Amino acid sequence: MNKMTSNQPYLLRAFYDWLVDNNCTPHIMVNAQYPGVSVPQQFVSDGQVVLNIAPRAVSDFAMDLGAVAFNTRFGGVPTEIYIPVRAIMGIYARENGHGMMFSLEEYPA
């Protein structure tokens, strides 16, 4: 049997599109200690940070099989965010909590 790539980036994109299409505010939970993550450390709690990735909250949004990147503001300060997909622990709607959490065991490095 052929070894398949992780389905996490595909599920992440699908949930993002579904949440936006349903006028929900997508948030991602990020392992801020994962190598390559670039987020404002003052907002990290217990090694995690939750980020609003709604189109109205970010600019220059890019999501591919390897990472999510965008620009946003924290306290009025422009900030570049970069998150490897494997650092994303889940995606959900702020309004109702609907979404998906990802199991780290399912997606080994």
Protein backbone atom coordinates (compact mmCIF):
# COMPACT_ATOMS: atom_id res chain seq x y z
CA MET A 1 0.00 0.00 0.00
CA ASN A 2 1.31 3.44 -0.92
CA LYS A 3 2.06 5.80 1.92
CA MET A 4 -0.39 8.68 1.71
CA THR A 5 0.23 12.28 2.67
CA SER A 6 -1.58 13.85 5.59
CA ASN A 7 -5.19 14.82 4.99
CA GLN A 8 -4.94 17.63 7.57
CA PRO A 9 -4.22 20.46 5.08
CA TYR A 10 -7.17 19.38 2.92
CA LEU A 11 -9.53 19.17 5.89
CA LEU A 12 -8.29 22.52 7.17
CA ARG A 13 -9.08 24.18 3.81
CA ALA A 14 -12.48 22.47 3.60
CA PHE A 15 -13.50 23.55 7.10
CA TYR A 16 -12.24 27.08 6.50
CA ASP A 17 -14.32 27.38 3.31
CA TRP A 18 -17.37 25.82 5.00
CA LEU A 19 -17.19 28.20 7.97
CA VAL A 20 -16.74 31.29 5.77
CA ASP A 21 -19.54 30.18 3.42
CA ASN A 22 -21.84 29.90 6.46
CA ASN A 23 -20.97 33.43 7.65
CA CYS A 24 -19.08 32.12 10.66
CA THR A 25 -15.82 33.45 12.07
CA PRO A 26 -13.10 30.80 11.65
CA HIS A 27 -10.57 30.52 14.46
CA ILE A 28 -7.56 28.23 14.55
CA MET A 29 -5.91 26.80 17.64
CA VAL A 30 -2.14 26.74 17.18
CA ASN A 31 0.68 24.96 18.97
CA ALA A 32 2.83 28.08 19.36
CA GLN A 33 5.88 25.99 20.31
CA TYR A 34 5.95 24.07 17.02
CA PRO A 35 9.10 24.81 14.97
CA GLY A 36 8.59 27.59 12.45
CA VAL A 37 5.51 29.15 14.07
CA SER A 38 5.61 32.94 14.02
CA VAL A 39 2.92 34.47 16.26
CA PRO A 40 3.02 37.26 18.88
CA GLN A 41 4.30 35.49 21.98
CA GLN A 42 2.48 37.83 24.38
CA PHE A 43 -0.80 36.19 23.30
CA VAL A 44 0.43 32.61 23.86
CA SER A 45 -1.01 30.78 26.85
CA ASP A 46 0.06 27.27 27.87
CA GLY A 47 1.97 26.98 24.60
CA GLN A 48 -1.13 27.68 22.50
CA VAL A 49 -2.74 30.63 20.77
CA VAL A 50 -6.13 31.03 19.11
CA LEU A 51 -6.23 33.21 16.01
CA ASN A 52 -9.15 34.73 14.11
CA ILE A 53 -8.60 33.98 10.41
CA ALA A 54 -11.83 35.49 9.07
CA PRO A 55 -11.34 37.35 5.78
CA ARG A 56 -12.32 40.65 7.45
CA ALA A 57 -9.66 40.16 10.16
CA VAL A 58 -6.65 39.36 7.97
CA SER A 59 -4.96 40.45 4.75
CA ASP A 60 -2.67 38.68 2.31
CA PHE A 61 -4.15 35.35 3.47
CA ALA A 62 -2.50 32.27 2.01
CA MET A 63 -3.18 28.62 2.84
CA ASP A 64 -1.42 25.77 1.11
CA LEU A 65 -0.46 22.20 1.96
CA GLY A 66 2.42 23.35 4.13
CA ALA A 67 1.40 26.50 5.96
CA VAL A 68 -1.06 29.28 6.70
CA ALA A 69 0.28 32.83 6.42
CA PHE A 70 -1.38 36.22 6.72
CA ASN A 71 -1.05 39.76 8.01
CA THR A 72 -3.19 41.08 10.85
CA ARG A 73 -3.11 43.59 13.69
CA PHE A 74 -2.58 42.98 17.37
CA GLY A 75 -3.29 46.05 19.47
CA GLY A 76 -3.07 48.16 16.33
CA VAL A 77 0.39 46.83 15.45
CA PRO A 78 0.71 45.22 11.98
CA THR A 79 1.92 41.64 12.41
CA GLU A 80 2.96 38.90 9.98
CA ILE A 81 1.79 35.43 10.98
CA TYR A 82 3.22 32.16 9.71
CA ILE A 83 1.96 28.75 10.87
CA PRO A 84 3.06 25.37 9.53
CA VAL A 85 -0.07 23.28 8.98
CA ARG A 86 1.17 20.62 11.41
CA ALA A 87 1.11 23.24 14.19
CA ILE A 88 -2.64 23.78 13.74
CA MET A 89 -4.48 21.83 16.39
CA GLY A 90 -7.99 22.68 15.23
CA ILE A 91 -10.32 25.01 13.39
CA TYR A 92 -13.75 26.07 14.61
CA ALA A 93 -16.45 28.75 14.38
CA ARG A 94 -16.40 31.37 17.12
CA GLU A 95 -20.20 31.58 16.97
CA ASN A 96 -21.05 27.94 17.70
CA GLY A 97 -17.85 25.91 18.13
CA HIS A 98 -18.50 23.79 15.03
CA GLY A 99 -15.30 22.63 13.40
CA MET A 100 -12.62 19.99 13.83
CA MET A 101 -9.72 19.27 16.15
CA PHE A 102 -6.73 17.45 14.72
CA SER A 103 -5.00 14.61 16.52
CA LEU A 104 -1.23 14.97 16.56
CA GLU A 105 -0.86 11.19 16.49
CA GLU A 106 -2.66 11.05 13.14
CA TYR A 107 -0.14 13.38 11.52
CA PRO A 108 3.39 12.41 12.49
CA ALA A 109 6.23 14.59 11.27
